[in-house]
N, C-alpha and C. Protein backbone atom coordinates (compact mmCIF):
# COMPACT_ATOMS: atom_id res chain seq x y z
N MET A 1 0.06 -16.12 -13.36
CA MET A 1 0.61 -16.46 -12.06
C MET A 1 0.59 -15.22 -11.16
N ASP A 2 0.09 -15.39 -9.96
CA ASP A 2 0.01 -14.28 -9.02
C ASP A 2 1.38 -13.93 -8.46
N ARG A 3 1.56 -12.65 -8.26
CA ARG A 3 2.78 -12.17 -7.64
C ARG A 3 2.70 -12.34 -6.13
N ILE A 4 3.81 -12.73 -5.55
CA ILE A 4 3.91 -12.79 -4.09
C ILE A 4 5.01 -11.80 -3.71
N LEU A 5 4.58 -10.54 -3.50
CA LEU A 5 5.54 -9.47 -3.29
C LEU A 5 5.74 -9.20 -1.80
N LYS A 6 7.00 -8.93 -1.45
CA LYS A 6 7.31 -8.57 -0.07
C LYS A 6 8.58 -7.73 -0.05
N LEU A 7 8.67 -6.89 0.96
CA LEU A 7 9.89 -6.14 1.20
C LEU A 7 10.65 -6.82 2.33
N ARG A 8 11.96 -6.84 2.20
CA ARG A 8 12.82 -7.38 3.24
C ARG A 8 13.90 -6.35 3.53
N LYS A 9 14.18 -6.15 4.80
CA LYS A 9 15.25 -5.22 5.17
C LYS A 9 16.57 -5.70 4.59
N VAL A 10 17.37 -4.75 4.15
CA VAL A 10 18.69 -5.07 3.61
C VAL A 10 19.57 -5.63 4.73
N THR A 11 20.38 -6.63 4.37
CA THR A 11 21.34 -7.24 5.29
C THR A 11 22.75 -7.07 4.71
N PRO A 12 23.78 -7.30 5.49
CA PRO A 12 25.14 -7.20 4.96
C PRO A 12 25.37 -8.06 3.71
N GLN A 13 24.66 -9.16 3.58
CA GLN A 13 24.82 -10.05 2.43
C GLN A 13 24.31 -9.43 1.13
N ASP A 14 23.59 -8.32 1.22
CA ASP A 14 23.03 -7.67 0.03
C ASP A 14 23.96 -6.65 -0.60
N MET A 15 25.13 -6.44 -0.02
CA MET A 15 26.02 -5.38 -0.48
C MET A 15 26.37 -5.51 -1.97
N ASP A 16 26.74 -6.71 -2.42
CA ASP A 16 27.15 -6.88 -3.81
C ASP A 16 25.96 -6.75 -4.78
N LEU A 17 24.80 -7.25 -4.38
CA LEU A 17 23.61 -7.10 -5.22
C LEU A 17 23.29 -5.62 -5.42
N LEU A 18 23.32 -4.85 -4.34
CA LEU A 18 23.04 -3.43 -4.44
C LEU A 18 24.10 -2.72 -5.28
N PHE A 19 25.34 -3.17 -5.20
CA PHE A 19 26.40 -2.59 -6.01
C PHE A 19 26.11 -2.81 -7.50
N CYS A 20 25.73 -4.01 -7.86
CA CYS A 20 25.40 -4.31 -9.27
C CYS A 20 24.23 -3.46 -9.75
N TRP A 21 23.18 -3.38 -8.94
CA TRP A 21 22.01 -2.60 -9.33
C TRP A 21 22.37 -1.11 -9.44
N ALA A 22 23.17 -0.60 -8.52
CA ALA A 22 23.51 0.82 -8.51
C ALA A 22 24.33 1.21 -9.73
N ASN A 23 25.12 0.29 -10.27
CA ASN A 23 25.97 0.59 -11.42
C ASN A 23 25.34 0.22 -12.75
N ASP A 24 24.08 -0.18 -12.76
CA ASP A 24 23.35 -0.44 -13.99
C ASP A 24 23.33 0.86 -14.81
N ASP A 25 23.52 0.75 -16.12
CA ASP A 25 23.61 1.93 -16.98
C ASP A 25 22.39 2.84 -16.88
N THR A 26 21.20 2.26 -16.86
CA THR A 26 19.98 3.07 -16.77
C THR A 26 19.86 3.73 -15.41
N VAL A 27 20.21 3.01 -14.35
CA VAL A 27 20.18 3.59 -13.00
C VAL A 27 21.13 4.78 -12.93
N ARG A 28 22.34 4.61 -13.46
CA ARG A 28 23.32 5.70 -13.43
C ARG A 28 22.80 6.89 -14.25
N ALA A 29 22.21 6.63 -15.41
CA ALA A 29 21.71 7.72 -16.25
C ALA A 29 20.61 8.51 -15.55
N ASN A 30 19.79 7.85 -14.73
CA ASN A 30 18.69 8.51 -14.05
C ASN A 30 19.08 9.08 -12.69
N ALA A 31 20.28 8.77 -12.22
CA ALA A 31 20.75 9.27 -10.93
C ALA A 31 21.21 10.71 -11.07
N PHE A 32 21.25 11.43 -9.96
CA PHE A 32 21.73 12.81 -9.99
C PHE A 32 23.25 12.86 -10.12
N HIS A 33 23.93 11.81 -9.69
CA HIS A 33 25.37 11.65 -9.90
C HIS A 33 25.53 10.46 -10.84
N THR A 34 25.83 10.72 -12.10
CA THR A 34 25.75 9.70 -13.14
C THR A 34 26.99 8.83 -13.29
N GLU A 35 28.08 9.18 -12.65
CA GLU A 35 29.31 8.41 -12.82
C GLU A 35 29.18 7.04 -12.14
N LYS A 36 29.87 6.05 -12.69
CA LYS A 36 29.90 4.70 -12.09
C LYS A 36 30.49 4.80 -10.68
N ILE A 37 30.07 3.90 -9.82
CA ILE A 37 30.50 3.91 -8.42
C ILE A 37 31.62 2.89 -8.25
N PRO A 38 32.80 3.33 -7.81
CA PRO A 38 33.86 2.36 -7.52
C PRO A 38 33.46 1.46 -6.34
N TYR A 39 33.87 0.20 -6.40
CA TYR A 39 33.49 -0.76 -5.36
C TYR A 39 33.91 -0.29 -3.97
N GLU A 40 35.11 0.28 -3.86
CA GLU A 40 35.60 0.74 -2.54
C GLU A 40 34.67 1.81 -1.97
N ASN A 41 34.19 2.71 -2.82
CA ASN A 41 33.25 3.74 -2.38
C ASN A 41 31.93 3.12 -1.95
N HIS A 42 31.49 2.11 -2.70
CA HIS A 42 30.23 1.43 -2.36
C HIS A 42 30.33 0.77 -0.99
N ILE A 43 31.45 0.13 -0.71
CA ILE A 43 31.64 -0.52 0.60
C ILE A 43 31.51 0.51 1.71
N GLN A 44 32.18 1.64 1.56
CA GLN A 44 32.12 2.69 2.59
C GLN A 44 30.70 3.22 2.74
N TRP A 45 30.04 3.48 1.61
CA TRP A 45 28.67 3.97 1.65
C TRP A 45 27.75 2.95 2.33
N PHE A 46 27.90 1.67 1.95
CA PHE A 46 27.03 0.62 2.47
C PHE A 46 27.17 0.50 3.98
N GLU A 47 28.40 0.50 4.47
CA GLU A 47 28.62 0.39 5.92
C GLU A 47 28.02 1.57 6.66
N LYS A 48 28.18 2.77 6.09
CA LYS A 48 27.60 3.97 6.72
C LYS A 48 26.08 3.88 6.71
N MET A 49 25.52 3.49 5.57
CA MET A 49 24.06 3.38 5.44
C MET A 49 23.50 2.36 6.44
N MET A 50 24.16 1.23 6.58
CA MET A 50 23.68 0.18 7.49
C MET A 50 23.70 0.63 8.95
N SER A 51 24.60 1.54 9.30
CA SER A 51 24.70 1.97 10.69
C SER A 51 23.91 3.25 10.97
N ASP A 52 23.28 3.82 9.95
CA ASP A 52 22.55 5.07 10.11
C ASP A 52 21.09 4.78 10.48
N ALA A 53 20.70 5.20 11.67
CA ALA A 53 19.34 4.94 12.16
C ALA A 53 18.28 5.71 11.38
N ALA A 54 18.68 6.72 10.61
CA ALA A 54 17.73 7.52 9.84
C ALA A 54 17.55 7.00 8.42
N VAL A 55 18.20 5.87 8.10
CA VAL A 55 18.09 5.28 6.76
C VAL A 55 17.43 3.91 6.87
N TYR A 56 16.43 3.70 6.02
CA TYR A 56 15.70 2.44 5.98
C TYR A 56 15.82 1.92 4.55
N GLN A 57 16.37 0.73 4.39
CA GLN A 57 16.53 0.19 3.03
C GLN A 57 15.98 -1.23 2.97
N TYR A 58 15.28 -1.48 1.85
CA TYR A 58 14.60 -2.75 1.65
C TYR A 58 14.86 -3.26 0.24
N ILE A 59 14.73 -4.57 0.10
CA ILE A 59 14.75 -5.20 -1.21
C ILE A 59 13.37 -5.78 -1.47
N LEU A 60 12.85 -5.52 -2.67
CA LEU A 60 11.57 -6.08 -3.09
C LEU A 60 11.81 -7.46 -3.68
N TYR A 61 11.03 -8.41 -3.21
CA TYR A 61 11.07 -9.78 -3.73
C TYR A 61 9.72 -10.13 -4.33
N ASP A 62 9.77 -10.86 -5.42
CA ASP A 62 8.60 -11.51 -5.98
C ASP A 62 8.86 -13.00 -5.79
N GLY A 63 8.23 -13.57 -4.77
CA GLY A 63 8.58 -14.93 -4.37
C GLY A 63 10.00 -14.91 -3.84
N ASP A 64 10.88 -15.69 -4.45
CA ASP A 64 12.28 -15.75 -4.02
C ASP A 64 13.20 -14.92 -4.92
N VAL A 65 12.64 -14.15 -5.84
CA VAL A 65 13.43 -13.41 -6.82
C VAL A 65 13.58 -11.95 -6.38
N PRO A 66 14.81 -11.47 -6.20
CA PRO A 66 14.99 -10.06 -5.88
C PRO A 66 14.69 -9.20 -7.12
N ILE A 67 13.84 -8.20 -6.93
CA ILE A 67 13.33 -7.40 -8.04
C ILE A 67 13.92 -5.99 -8.06
N GLY A 68 14.09 -5.41 -6.89
CA GLY A 68 14.57 -4.03 -6.83
C GLY A 68 14.80 -3.62 -5.39
N GLN A 69 15.15 -2.34 -5.23
CA GLN A 69 15.44 -1.84 -3.90
C GLN A 69 14.77 -0.49 -3.69
N VAL A 70 14.53 -0.17 -2.42
CA VAL A 70 14.02 1.15 -2.06
C VAL A 70 14.69 1.56 -0.76
N ARG A 71 15.04 2.85 -0.71
CA ARG A 71 15.70 3.38 0.49
C ARG A 71 15.04 4.69 0.88
N LEU A 72 14.85 4.86 2.17
CA LEU A 72 14.34 6.11 2.73
C LEU A 72 15.44 6.72 3.57
N ALA A 73 15.69 8.00 3.36
CA ALA A 73 16.64 8.73 4.20
C ALA A 73 15.83 9.83 4.88
N ASP A 74 15.64 9.68 6.18
CA ASP A 74 14.79 10.59 6.96
C ASP A 74 15.58 11.82 7.40
N GLU A 75 15.04 12.98 7.05
CA GLU A 75 15.59 14.25 7.53
C GLU A 75 14.46 15.05 8.14
N ASP A 76 14.38 15.03 9.46
CA ASP A 76 13.37 15.80 10.19
C ASP A 76 11.95 15.51 9.72
N GLY A 77 11.64 14.24 9.49
CA GLY A 77 10.29 13.84 9.12
C GLY A 77 10.04 13.72 7.64
N ASP A 78 10.85 14.39 6.81
CA ASP A 78 10.76 14.25 5.37
C ASP A 78 11.72 13.15 4.95
N ALA A 79 11.20 12.10 4.33
CA ALA A 79 12.04 10.95 3.95
C ALA A 79 12.21 10.93 2.44
N LEU A 80 13.46 11.09 2.01
CA LEU A 80 13.78 11.06 0.59
C LEU A 80 13.83 9.61 0.12
N ILE A 81 13.08 9.33 -0.95
CA ILE A 81 12.99 7.98 -1.50
C ILE A 81 14.02 7.81 -2.61
N ASP A 82 14.73 6.70 -2.57
CA ASP A 82 15.59 6.28 -3.68
C ASP A 82 15.15 4.87 -4.00
N TYR A 83 14.77 4.62 -5.24
CA TYR A 83 14.37 3.26 -5.59
C TYR A 83 14.86 2.92 -6.99
N SER A 84 15.01 1.63 -7.23
CA SER A 84 15.32 1.16 -8.57
C SER A 84 14.81 -0.26 -8.72
N VAL A 85 14.53 -0.61 -9.96
CA VAL A 85 14.07 -1.96 -10.30
C VAL A 85 15.14 -2.56 -11.20
N ALA A 86 15.49 -3.81 -10.93
CA ALA A 86 16.51 -4.51 -11.72
C ALA A 86 16.10 -4.52 -13.19
N ALA A 87 17.10 -4.42 -14.08
CA ALA A 87 16.86 -4.29 -15.52
C ALA A 87 15.90 -5.34 -16.07
N ALA A 88 16.03 -6.58 -15.65
CA ALA A 88 15.20 -7.67 -16.18
C ALA A 88 13.74 -7.56 -15.77
N HIS A 89 13.43 -6.68 -14.81
CA HIS A 89 12.07 -6.61 -14.28
C HIS A 89 11.40 -5.26 -14.52
N ARG A 90 12.03 -4.39 -15.27
CA ARG A 90 11.45 -3.06 -15.53
C ARG A 90 10.27 -3.17 -16.49
N GLY A 91 9.35 -2.21 -16.34
CA GLY A 91 8.20 -2.15 -17.23
C GLY A 91 7.11 -3.14 -16.90
N LYS A 92 7.17 -3.73 -15.72
CA LYS A 92 6.19 -4.76 -15.32
C LYS A 92 5.34 -4.33 -14.12
N GLY A 93 5.41 -3.05 -13.75
CA GLY A 93 4.59 -2.54 -12.65
C GLY A 93 5.22 -2.69 -11.27
N TYR A 94 6.45 -3.12 -11.21
CA TYR A 94 7.07 -3.32 -9.90
C TYR A 94 7.37 -2.01 -9.16
N GLY A 95 7.65 -0.93 -9.91
CA GLY A 95 7.94 0.35 -9.25
C GLY A 95 6.76 0.81 -8.42
N LEU A 96 5.56 0.74 -8.98
CA LEU A 96 4.35 1.13 -8.25
C LEU A 96 4.14 0.24 -7.04
N GLU A 97 4.33 -1.06 -7.21
CA GLU A 97 4.18 -1.99 -6.08
C GLU A 97 5.22 -1.70 -4.99
N LEU A 98 6.40 -1.34 -5.40
CA LEU A 98 7.47 -1.01 -4.45
C LEU A 98 7.05 0.17 -3.57
N LEU A 99 6.50 1.23 -4.17
CA LEU A 99 6.05 2.38 -3.38
C LEU A 99 4.86 2.04 -2.50
N ARG A 100 3.95 1.23 -3.02
CA ARG A 100 2.78 0.82 -2.23
C ARG A 100 3.22 0.05 -1.00
N LEU A 101 4.12 -0.91 -1.20
CA LEU A 101 4.62 -1.71 -0.07
C LEU A 101 5.43 -0.87 0.89
N LEU A 102 6.14 0.12 0.38
CA LEU A 102 6.92 1.00 1.24
C LEU A 102 6.02 1.73 2.23
N CYS A 103 4.89 2.23 1.74
CA CYS A 103 3.95 2.91 2.62
C CYS A 103 3.44 1.97 3.72
N GLN A 104 3.18 0.72 3.38
CA GLN A 104 2.77 -0.27 4.38
C GLN A 104 3.90 -0.56 5.36
N GLN A 105 5.13 -0.57 4.85
CA GLN A 105 6.29 -0.90 5.68
C GLN A 105 6.51 0.14 6.77
N LEU A 106 6.14 1.38 6.52
CA LEU A 106 6.25 2.41 7.55
C LEU A 106 5.45 2.01 8.79
N GLU A 107 4.28 1.43 8.56
CA GLU A 107 3.45 0.95 9.67
C GLU A 107 4.03 -0.31 10.30
N THR A 108 4.42 -1.25 9.45
CA THR A 108 4.94 -2.53 9.94
C THR A 108 6.16 -2.32 10.83
N ASP A 109 7.08 -1.46 10.39
CA ASP A 109 8.31 -1.22 11.14
C ASP A 109 8.18 -0.10 12.17
N LYS A 110 6.96 0.43 12.30
CA LYS A 110 6.68 1.50 13.26
C LYS A 110 7.64 2.69 13.07
N ILE A 111 7.77 3.11 11.83
CA ILE A 111 8.61 4.27 11.50
C ILE A 111 7.70 5.50 11.62
N THR A 112 7.52 5.97 12.83
CA THR A 112 6.56 7.05 13.10
C THR A 112 7.15 8.44 12.92
N ASN A 113 8.48 8.55 12.83
CA ASN A 113 9.10 9.86 12.68
C ASN A 113 8.94 10.41 11.26
N VAL A 114 8.65 9.57 10.27
CA VAL A 114 8.48 10.02 8.89
C VAL A 114 7.05 10.52 8.71
N THR A 115 6.93 11.80 8.32
CA THR A 115 5.60 12.38 8.10
C THR A 115 5.33 12.67 6.63
N LYS A 116 6.41 12.74 5.82
CA LYS A 116 6.23 13.01 4.40
C LYS A 116 7.26 12.20 3.60
N LEU A 117 6.79 11.60 2.50
CA LEU A 117 7.67 10.90 1.57
C LEU A 117 7.97 11.83 0.41
N VAL A 118 9.23 11.87 -0.02
CA VAL A 118 9.66 12.78 -1.07
C VAL A 118 10.45 12.01 -2.11
N GLY A 119 10.07 12.18 -3.37
CA GLY A 119 10.83 11.61 -4.47
C GLY A 119 11.30 12.71 -5.39
N GLN A 120 12.53 12.62 -5.85
CA GLN A 120 13.08 13.60 -6.77
C GLN A 120 13.46 12.88 -8.06
N VAL A 121 12.89 13.34 -9.18
CA VAL A 121 13.02 12.64 -10.45
C VAL A 121 13.49 13.60 -11.52
N LYS A 122 14.52 13.19 -12.27
CA LYS A 122 14.98 14.00 -13.39
C LYS A 122 13.87 14.06 -14.44
N TYR A 123 13.81 15.19 -15.14
CA TYR A 123 12.74 15.39 -16.13
C TYR A 123 12.72 14.30 -17.20
N GLN A 124 13.88 13.79 -17.59
CA GLN A 124 13.90 12.78 -18.66
C GLN A 124 13.51 11.38 -18.18
N ASN A 125 13.36 11.19 -16.88
CA ASN A 125 13.01 9.87 -16.34
C ASN A 125 11.49 9.73 -16.26
N GLN A 126 10.86 9.57 -17.41
CA GLN A 126 9.40 9.52 -17.48
C GLN A 126 8.82 8.28 -16.78
N ALA A 127 9.55 7.18 -16.81
CA ALA A 127 9.04 5.96 -16.16
C ALA A 127 8.86 6.18 -14.66
N SER A 128 9.86 6.75 -14.03
CA SER A 128 9.78 6.99 -12.59
C SER A 128 8.73 8.06 -12.28
N ALA A 129 8.64 9.08 -13.12
CA ALA A 129 7.62 10.11 -12.92
C ALA A 129 6.22 9.49 -12.93
N ARG A 130 5.96 8.58 -13.87
CA ARG A 130 4.65 7.91 -13.94
C ARG A 130 4.38 7.08 -12.67
N VAL A 131 5.42 6.44 -12.15
CA VAL A 131 5.25 5.62 -10.94
C VAL A 131 4.80 6.49 -9.77
N PHE A 132 5.48 7.61 -9.55
CA PHE A 132 5.11 8.49 -8.44
C PHE A 132 3.71 9.06 -8.63
N GLU A 133 3.36 9.41 -9.87
CA GLU A 133 2.03 9.96 -10.12
C GLU A 133 0.95 8.92 -9.89
N LYS A 134 1.17 7.69 -10.37
CA LYS A 134 0.20 6.61 -10.15
C LYS A 134 0.06 6.27 -8.67
N ALA A 135 1.15 6.48 -7.91
CA ALA A 135 1.13 6.18 -6.47
C ALA A 135 0.49 7.31 -5.66
N GLY A 136 0.02 8.36 -6.33
CA GLY A 136 -0.71 9.41 -5.65
C GLY A 136 0.15 10.51 -5.05
N PHE A 137 1.38 10.65 -5.49
CA PHE A 137 2.25 11.71 -5.00
C PHE A 137 1.89 13.03 -5.68
N HIS A 138 2.02 14.12 -4.94
CA HIS A 138 1.79 15.47 -5.45
C HIS A 138 3.03 15.92 -6.22
N LYS A 139 2.83 16.46 -7.41
CA LYS A 139 3.92 16.82 -8.32
C LYS A 139 4.26 18.30 -8.17
N ILE A 140 5.56 18.59 -8.00
CA ILE A 140 6.06 19.96 -7.92
C ILE A 140 7.18 20.10 -8.94
N LEU A 141 7.00 21.00 -9.89
CA LEU A 141 8.01 21.22 -10.92
C LEU A 141 9.06 22.20 -10.40
N LEU A 142 10.29 21.73 -10.32
CA LEU A 142 11.41 22.55 -9.87
C LEU A 142 12.37 22.72 -11.05
N PRO A 143 13.27 23.70 -11.00
CA PRO A 143 14.16 23.93 -12.14
C PRO A 143 15.00 22.71 -12.55
N GLU A 144 15.53 21.98 -11.59
CA GLU A 144 16.45 20.88 -11.89
C GLU A 144 15.78 19.51 -12.00
N TYR A 145 14.61 19.35 -11.38
CA TYR A 145 13.95 18.04 -11.33
C TYR A 145 12.50 18.22 -10.91
N ILE A 146 11.76 17.12 -10.97
CA ILE A 146 10.38 17.09 -10.48
C ILE A 146 10.43 16.50 -9.07
N GLN A 147 9.78 17.18 -8.15
CA GLN A 147 9.69 16.65 -6.79
C GLN A 147 8.29 16.12 -6.57
N TYR A 148 8.22 14.93 -6.00
CA TYR A 148 6.94 14.32 -5.68
C TYR A 148 6.86 14.19 -4.16
N GLU A 149 5.70 14.55 -3.61
CA GLU A 149 5.53 14.51 -2.16
C GLU A 149 4.20 13.83 -1.81
N LYS A 150 4.26 13.12 -0.71
CA LYS A 150 3.05 12.45 -0.21
C LYS A 150 3.10 12.45 1.31
N GLU A 151 2.06 13.00 1.92
CA GLU A 151 1.96 12.97 3.37
C GLU A 151 1.69 11.54 3.82
N VAL A 152 2.32 11.15 4.91
CA VAL A 152 2.10 9.81 5.46
C VAL A 152 0.87 9.86 6.33
N SER A 153 -0.11 9.05 5.99
CA SER A 153 -1.36 9.02 6.78
C SER A 153 -1.26 7.91 7.81
N ARG A 154 -1.69 8.24 8.98
CA ARG A 154 -1.67 7.27 10.09
C ARG A 154 -3.01 7.22 10.76
């Protein structure tokens, strides 16, 4: 069966879904801040994120099924990527598709201020490292993590 993949901008109705995904044990283990997120903190973060013009967040769908999320936080043209795939859908190539669609979304949404995409991956997170490498990101080994960078071509 063919995949019908699309990104959709996050809406206020996605707050609880993102909360569940953010508190997944594997997501927390691979995050730079590994502690579980209290719901009250998530609400505050979500409201701030939704009102921040420098943050772009999307949910990946395969047909009508939500698969994962990706967020860009733009700082002077360098956009830090945060992404995760829901536990039931990991290991199926969705991470790579998520990054591929994200690059297309920059054009679709006319996000012209972003000139470089940046991913930061803990050394033990080999799955995410492989995704960035397969997506053509340049690898930079830093003391605390691996940084992946890709210039946005227009």
